[in-house]
Amino acid sequence: MRLIDADAFKQQIAAAAIQNGTTEASNKASIMMDLVDNHPTILDIHNVLRELEKRIDTQLKIITGLSDPVY
């Protein structure tokens, strides 16, 4: 598996359709670009950010706990 730049891929699809110059090529390109847009991503950036926030909070709690005076 590999990650691709979906926007660049869509530009290549559109360029190929324009170069072909037929209505059929344009219709196929439109369908392919819709497929690219609707395909799920390998990761959900919102989940990644939530996980990072949790880890940062945990580290801050650890650091804060270490600076508390010990009695």
PDB file of N, CA and C in Angstrom:
ATOM      1  N   MET A   1       0.849  -1.162   0.000  1.00  0.00           N
ATOM      2  CA  MET A   1       0.000   0.000   0.000  1.00  0.00           C
ATOM      3  C   MET A   1       0.902   1.235   0.000  1.00  0.00           C
ATOM      4  N   ARG A   2       0.398   2.305  -0.626  1.00  0.00           N
ATOM      5  CA  ARG A   2       1.140   3.559  -0.626  1.00  0.00           C
ATOM      6  C   ARG A   2       0.166   4.723  -0.625  1.00  0.00           C
ATOM      7  N   LEU A   3       0.628   5.844  -0.149  1.00  0.00           N
ATOM      8  CA  LEU A   3      -0.187   7.054  -0.146  1.00  0.00           C
ATOM      9  C   LEU A   3       0.049   7.803  -1.445  1.00  0.00           C
ATOM     10  N   ILE A   4      -0.992   8.421  -1.966  1.00  0.00           N
ATOM     11  CA  ILE A   4      -0.854   9.222  -3.177  1.00  0.00           C
ATOM     12  C   ILE A   4      -1.424  10.609  -2.925  1.00  0.00           C
ATOM     13  N   ASP A   5      -1.070  11.540  -3.775  1.00  0.00           N
ATOM     14  CA  ASP A   5      -1.649  12.874  -3.744  1.00  0.00           C
ATOM     15  C   ASP A   5      -2.909  12.818  -4.612  1.00  0.00           C
ATOM     16  N   ALA A   6      -4.053  12.700  -3.987  1.00  0.00           N
ATOM     17  CA  ALA A   6      -5.310  12.519  -4.712  1.00  0.00           C
ATOM     18  C   ALA A   6      -5.619  13.705  -5.620  1.00  0.00           C
ATOM     19  N   ASP A   7      -5.290  14.913  -5.182  1.00  0.00           N
ATOM     20  CA  ASP A   7      -5.561  16.093  -6.014  1.00  0.00           C
ATOM     21  C   ASP A   7      -4.717  16.068  -7.286  1.00  0.00           C
ATOM     22  N   ALA A   8      -3.456  15.677  -7.151  1.00  0.00           N
ATOM     23  CA  ALA A   8      -2.585  15.586  -8.329  1.00  0.00           C
ATOM     24  C   ALA A   8      -3.078  14.483  -9.267  1.00  0.00           C
ATOM     25  N   PHE A   9      -3.537  13.389  -8.694  1.00  0.00           N
ATOM     26  CA  PHE A   9      -4.062  12.288  -9.497  1.00  0.00           C
ATOM     27  C   PHE A   9      -5.298  12.734 -10.278  1.00  0.00           C
ATOM     28  N   LYS A  10      -6.167  13.481  -9.613  1.00  0.00           N
ATOM     29  CA  LYS A  10      -7.365  13.990 -10.288  1.00  0.00           C
ATOM     30  C   LYS A  10      -6.991  14.950 -11.416  1.00  0.00           C
ATOM     31  N   GLN A  11      -5.958  15.751 -11.215  1.00  0.00           N
ATOM     32  CA  GLN A  11      -5.505  16.656 -12.279  1.00  0.00           C
ATOM     33  C   GLN A  11      -5.003  15.866 -13.485  1.00  0.00           C
ATOM     34  N   GLN A  12      -4.317  14.761 -13.227  1.00  0.00           N
ATOM     35  CA  GLN A  12      -3.837  13.919 -14.320  1.00  0.00           C
ATOM     36  C   GLN A  12      -5.008  13.289 -15.074  1.00  0.00           C
ATOM     37  N   ILE A  13      -6.022  12.867 -14.353  1.00  0.00           N
ATOM     38  CA  ILE A  13      -7.210  12.293 -14.985  1.00  0.00           C
ATOM     39  C   ILE A  13      -7.876  13.337 -15.873  1.00  0.00           C
ATOM     40  N   ALA A  14      -8.045  14.545 -15.336  1.00  0.00           N
ATOM     41  CA  ALA A  14      -8.684  15.620 -16.107  1.00  0.00           C
ATOM     42  C   ALA A  14      -7.854  15.970 -17.342  1.00  0.00           C
ATOM     43  N   ALA A  15      -6.537  16.035 -17.204  1.00  0.00           N
ATOM     44  CA  ALA A  15      -5.666  16.362 -18.335  1.00  0.00           C
ATOM     45  C   ALA A  15      -5.769  15.303 -19.424  1.00  0.00           C
ATOM     46  N   ALA A  16      -5.838  14.039 -19.028  1.00  0.00           N
ATOM     47  CA  ALA A  16      -5.958  12.962 -20.009  1.00  0.00           C
ATOM     48  C   ALA A  16      -7.289  13.059 -20.748  1.00  0.00           C
ATOM     49  N   ALA A  17      -8.350  13.417 -20.037  1.00  0.00           N
ATOM     50  CA  ALA A  17      -9.665  13.558 -20.673  1.00  0.00           C
ATOM     51  C   ALA A  17      -9.667  14.726 -21.651  1.00  0.00           C
ATOM     52  N   ILE A  18      -9.038  15.823 -21.262  1.00  0.00           N
ATOM     53  CA  ILE A  18      -8.966  16.998 -22.139  1.00  0.00           C
ATOM     54  C   ILE A  18      -8.152  16.659 -23.386  1.00  0.00           C
ATOM     55  N   GLN A  19      -7.053  15.940 -23.187  1.00  0.00           N
ATOM     56  CA  GLN A  19      -6.203  15.565 -24.310  1.00  0.00           C
ATOM     57  C   GLN A  19      -6.965  14.665 -25.284  1.00  0.00           C
ATOM     58  N   ASN A  20      -7.791  13.772 -24.747  1.00  0.00           N
ATOM     59  CA  ASN A  20      -8.576  12.873 -25.593  1.00  0.00           C
ATOM     60  C   ASN A  20      -9.628  13.658 -26.359  1.00  0.00           C
ATOM     61  N   GLY A  21     -10.261  14.601 -25.655  1.00  0.00           N
ATOM     62  CA  GLY A  21     -11.187  15.521 -26.297  1.00  0.00           C
ATOM     63  C   GLY A  21     -12.576  14.992 -26.608  1.00  0.00           C
ATOM     64  N   THR A  22     -12.911  13.806 -26.136  1.00  0.00           N
ATOM     65  CA  THR A  22     -14.247  13.278 -26.422  1.00  0.00           C
ATOM     66  C   THR A  22     -15.150  13.427 -25.207  1.00  0.00           C
ATOM     67  N   THR A  23     -16.434  13.421 -25.461  1.00  0.00           N
ATOM     68  CA  THR A  23     -17.414  13.492 -24.376  1.00  0.00           C
ATOM     69  C   THR A  23     -17.328  12.240 -23.514  1.00  0.00           C
ATOM     70  N   GLU A  24     -17.104  11.104 -24.162  1.00  0.00           N
ATOM     71  CA  GLU A  24     -16.989   9.847 -23.412  1.00  0.00           C
ATOM     72  C   GLU A  24     -15.813   9.899 -22.439  1.00  0.00           C
ATOM     73  N   ALA A  25     -14.678  10.421 -22.894  1.00  0.00           N
ATOM     74  CA  ALA A  25     -13.498  10.541 -22.018  1.00  0.00           C
ATOM     75  C   ALA A  25     -13.795  11.487 -20.864  1.00  0.00           C
ATOM     76  N   SER A  26     -14.506  12.562 -21.136  1.00  0.00           N
ATOM     77  CA  SER A  26     -14.869  13.522 -20.094  1.00  0.00           C
ATOM     78  C   SER A  26     -15.782  12.878 -19.057  1.00  0.00           C
ATOM     79  N   ASN A  27     -16.743  12.099 -19.527  1.00  0.00           N
ATOM     80  CA  ASN A  27     -17.668  11.417 -18.604  1.00  0.00           C
ATOM     81  C   ASN A  27     -16.929  10.395 -17.743  1.00  0.00           C
ATOM     82  N   LYS A  28     -16.036   9.627 -18.371  1.00  0.00           N
ATOM     83  CA  LYS A  28     -15.260   8.641 -17.615  1.00  0.00           C
ATOM     84  C   LYS A  28     -14.353   9.329 -16.591  1.00  0.00           C
ATOM     85  N   ALA A  29     -13.746  10.436 -16.989  1.00  0.00           N
ATOM     86  CA  ALA A  29     -12.875  11.176 -16.068  1.00  0.00           C
ATOM     87  C   ALA A  29     -13.668  11.687 -14.871  1.00  0.00           C
ATOM     88  N   SER A  30     -14.857  12.175 -15.130  1.00  0.00           N
ATOM     89  CA  SER A  30     -15.715  12.670 -14.047  1.00  0.00           C
ATOM     90  C   SER A  30     -16.046  11.545 -13.068  1.00  0.00           C
ATOM     91  N   ILE A  31     -16.362  10.377 -13.600  1.00  0.00           N
ATOM     92  CA  ILE A  31     -16.668   9.220 -12.746  1.00  0.00           C
ATOM     93  C   ILE A  31     -15.443   8.820 -11.935  1.00  0.00           C
ATOM     94  N   MET A  32     -14.284   8.790 -12.584  1.00  0.00           N
ATOM     95  CA  MET A  32     -13.060   8.409 -11.875  1.00  0.00           C
ATOM     96  C   MET A  32     -12.723   9.409 -10.770  1.00  0.00           C
ATOM     97  N   MET A  33     -12.900  10.693 -11.043  1.00  0.00           N
ATOM     98  CA  MET A  33     -12.598  11.703 -10.018  1.00  0.00           C
ATOM     99  C   MET A  33     -13.575  11.601  -8.850  1.00  0.00           C
ATOM    100  N   ASP A  34     -14.830  11.267  -9.126  1.00  0.00           N
ATOM    101  CA  ASP A  34     -15.799  11.040  -8.047  1.00  0.00           C
ATOM    102  C   ASP A  34     -15.383   9.844  -7.196  1.00  0.00           C
ATOM    103  N   LEU A  35     -14.890   8.793  -7.865  1.00  0.00           N
ATOM    104  CA  LEU A  35     -14.416   7.624  -7.115  1.00  0.00           C
ATOM    105  C   LEU A  35     -13.254   7.999  -6.198  1.00  0.00           C
ATOM    106  N   VAL A  36     -12.331   8.784  -6.711  1.00  0.00           N
ATOM    107  CA  VAL A  36     -11.190   9.218  -5.899  1.00  0.00           C
ATOM    108  C   VAL A  36     -11.684  10.035  -4.697  1.00  0.00           C
ATOM    109  N   ASP A  37     -12.606  10.956  -4.950  1.00  0.00           N
ATOM    110  CA  ASP A  37     -13.127  11.808  -3.871  1.00  0.00           C
ATOM    111  C   ASP A  37     -13.860  10.998  -2.804  1.00  0.00           C
ATOM    112  N   ASN A  38     -14.550   9.944  -3.207  1.00  0.00           N
ATOM    113  CA  ASN A  38     -15.371   9.173  -2.274  1.00  0.00           C
ATOM    114  C   ASN A  38     -14.634   8.011  -1.627  1.00  0.00           C
ATOM    115  N   HIS A  39     -13.400   7.784  -2.048  1.00  0.00           N
ATOM    116  CA  HIS A  39     -12.629   6.687  -1.477  1.00  0.00           C
ATOM    117  C   HIS A  39     -12.164   7.076  -0.075  1.00  0.00           C
ATOM    118  N   PRO A  40     -12.251   6.142   0.877  1.00  0.00           N
ATOM    119  CA  PRO A  40     -11.821   6.483   2.243  1.00  0.00           C
ATOM    120  C   PRO A  40     -10.317   6.702   2.316  1.00  0.00           C
ATOM    121  N   THR A  41      -9.924   7.537   3.249  1.00  0.00           N
ATOM    122  CA  THR A  41      -8.502   7.784   3.447  1.00  0.00           C
ATOM    123  C   THR A  41      -7.924   6.706   4.355  1.00  0.00           C
ATOM    124  N   ILE A  42      -6.614   6.605   4.360  1.00  0.00           N
ATOM    125  CA  ILE A  42      -5.943   5.583   5.159  1.00  0.00           C
ATOM    126  C   ILE A  42      -6.019   5.920   6.646  1.00  0.00           C
ATOM    127  N   LEU A  43      -6.143   7.208   6.962  1.00  0.00           N
ATOM    128  CA  LEU A  43      -6.281   7.593   8.359  1.00  0.00           C
ATOM    129  C   LEU A  43      -7.228   8.781   8.461  1.00  0.00           C
ATOM    130  N   ASP A  44      -7.807   8.880   9.614  1.00  0.00           N
ATOM    131  CA  ASP A  44      -8.733   9.978   9.886  1.00  0.00           C
ATOM    132  C   ASP A  44      -7.974  11.020  10.703  1.00  0.00           C
ATOM    133  N   ILE A  45      -7.740  12.176  10.113  1.00  0.00           N
ATOM    134  CA  ILE A  45      -6.934  13.210  10.765  1.00  0.00           C
ATOM    135  C   ILE A  45      -7.547  13.650  12.101  1.00  0.00           C
ATOM    136  N   HIS A  46      -8.862  13.621  12.204  1.00  0.00           N
ATOM    137  CA  HIS A  46      -9.502  14.011  13.470  1.00  0.00           C
ATOM    138  C   HIS A  46      -9.169  13.007  14.577  1.00  0.00           C
ATOM    139  N   ASN A  47      -9.144  11.727  14.235  1.00  0.00           N
ATOM    140  CA  ASN A  47      -8.754  10.722  15.231  1.00  0.00           C
ATOM    141  C   ASN A  47      -7.291  10.870  15.623  1.00  0.00           C
ATOM    142  N   VAL A  48      -6.445  11.180  14.666  1.00  0.00           N
ATOM    143  CA  VAL A  48      -5.022  11.383  14.951  1.00  0.00           C
ATOM    144  C   VAL A  48      -4.853  12.558  15.908  1.00  0.00           C
ATOM    145  N   LEU A  49      -5.539  13.658  15.640  1.00  0.00           N
ATOM    146  CA  LEU A  49      -5.435  14.833  16.519  1.00  0.00           C
ATOM    147  C   LEU A  49      -5.956  14.538  17.920  1.00  0.00           C
ATOM    148  N   ARG A  50      -7.064  13.804  18.013  1.00  0.00           N
ATOM    149  CA  ARG A  50      -7.597  13.438  19.334  1.00  0.00           C
ATOM    150  C   ARG A  50      -6.581  12.599  20.108  1.00  0.00           C
ATOM    151  N   GLU A  51      -5.962  11.643  19.424  1.00  0.00           N
ATOM    152  CA  GLU A  51      -4.971  10.792  20.080  1.00  0.00           C
ATOM    153  C   GLU A  51      -3.763  11.610  20.531  1.00  0.00           C
ATOM    154  N   LEU A  52      -3.314  12.538  19.707  1.00  0.00           N
ATOM    155  CA  LEU A  52      -2.197  13.401  20.099  1.00  0.00           C
ATOM    156  C   LEU A  52      -2.554  14.252  21.310  1.00  0.00           C
ATOM    157  N   GLU A  53      -3.761  14.798  21.322  1.00  0.00           N
ATOM    158  CA  GLU A  53      -4.192  15.608  22.468  1.00  0.00           C
ATOM    159  C   GLU A  53      -4.209  14.778  23.741  1.00  0.00           C
ATOM    160  N   LYS A  54      -4.673  13.541  23.660  1.00  0.00           N
ATOM    161  CA  LYS A  54      -4.689  12.660  24.836  1.00  0.00           C
ATOM    162  C   LYS A  54      -3.267  12.420  25.340  1.00  0.00           C
ATOM    163  N   ARG A  55      -2.373  12.149  24.410  1.00  0.00           N
ATOM    164  CA  ARG A  55      -0.991  11.867  24.803  1.00  0.00           C
ATOM    165  C   ARG A  55      -0.321  13.106  25.387  1.00  0.00           C
ATOM    166  N   ILE A  56      -0.595  14.258  24.827  1.00  0.00           N
ATOM    167  CA  ILE A  56      -0.044  15.504  25.372  1.00  0.00           C
ATOM    168  C   ILE A  56      -0.575  15.741  26.774  1.00  0.00           C
ATOM    169  N   ASP A  57      -1.883  15.554  26.965  1.00  0.00           N
ATOM    170  CA  ASP A  57      -2.473  15.720  28.297  1.00  0.00           C
ATOM    171  C   ASP A  57      -1.830  14.774  29.303  1.00  0.00           C
ATOM    172  N   THR A  58      -1.628  13.530  28.903  1.00  0.00           N
ATOM    173  CA  THR A  58      -0.998  12.549  29.790  1.00  0.00           C
ATOM    174  C   THR A  58       0.414  12.987  30.156  1.00  0.00           C
ATOM    175  N   GLN A  59       1.179  13.432  29.177  1.00  0.00           N
ATOM    176  CA  GLN A  59       2.552  13.870  29.441  1.00  0.00           C
ATOM    177  C   GLN A  59       2.577  15.100  30.346  1.00  0.00           C
ATOM    178  N   LEU A  60       1.641  16.026  30.125  1.00  0.00           N
ATOM    179  CA  LEU A  60       1.575  17.213  30.981  1.00  0.00           C
ATOM    180  C   LEU A  60       1.241  16.834  32.420  1.00  0.00           C
ATOM    181  N   LYS A  61       0.351  15.858  32.604  1.00  0.00           N
ATOM    182  CA  LYS A  61       0.019  15.395  33.950  1.00  0.00           C
ATOM    183  C   LYS A  61       1.235  14.765  34.614  1.00  0.00           C
ATOM    184  N   ILE A  62       1.996  14.006  33.849  1.00  0.00           N
ATOM    185  CA  ILE A  62       3.206  13.378  34.399  1.00  0.00           C
ATOM    186  C   ILE A  62       4.220  14.446  34.792  1.00  0.00           C
ATOM    187  N   ILE A  63       4.439  15.415  33.903  1.00  0.00           N
ATOM    188  CA  ILE A  63       5.406  16.484  34.177  1.00  0.00           C
ATOM    189  C   ILE A  63       4.969  17.305  35.375  1.00  0.00           C
ATOM    190  N   THR A  64       3.692  17.655  35.450  1.00  0.00           N
ATOM    191  CA  THR A  64       3.163  18.425  36.568  1.00  0.00           C
ATOM    192  C   THR A  64       3.302  17.638  37.875  1.00  0.00           C
ATOM    193  N   GLY A  65       3.034  16.342  37.819  1.00  0.00           N
ATOM    194  CA  GLY A  65       3.170  15.489  39.004  1.00  0.00           C
ATOM    195  C   GLY A  65       4.594  15.412  39.486  1.00  0.00           C
ATOM    196  N   LEU A  66       5.548  15.446  38.577  1.00  0.00           N
ATOM    197  CA  LEU A  66       6.952  15.391  38.969  1.00  0.00           C
ATOM    198  C   LEU A  66       7.410  16.657  39.660  1.00  0.00           C
ATOM    199  N   SER A  67       6.762  17.776  39.350  1.00  0.00           N
ATOM    200  CA  SER A  67       7.192  19.036  39.967  1.00  0.00           C
ATOM    201  C   SER A  67       6.506  19.309  41.309  1.00  0.00           C
ATOM    202  N   ASP A  68       5.548  18.453  41.679  1.00  0.00           N
ATOM    203  CA  ASP A  68       4.897  18.615  42.997  1.00  0.00           C
ATOM    204  C   ASP A  68       5.881  18.233  44.093  1.00  0.00           C
ATOM    205  N   PRO A  69       5.853  18.998  45.186  1.00  0.00           N
ATOM    206  CA  PRO A  69       6.766  18.656  46.282  1.00  0.00           C
ATOM    207  C   PRO A  69       6.388  17.293  46.905  1.00  0.00           C
ATOM    208  N   VAL A  70       7.396  16.562  47.299  1.00  0.00           N
ATOM    209  CA  VAL A  70       7.158  15.262  47.926  1.00  0.00           C
ATOM    210  C   VAL A  70       7.232  15.455  49.431  1.00  0.00           C
ATOM    211  N   TYR A  71       6.212  14.979  50.153  1.00  0.00           N
ATOM    212  CA  TYR A  71       6.172  15.128  51.617  1.00  0.00           C
ATOM    213  C   TYR A  71       6.341  13.801  52.283  1.00  0.00           C
TER     214      TYR A  71
END
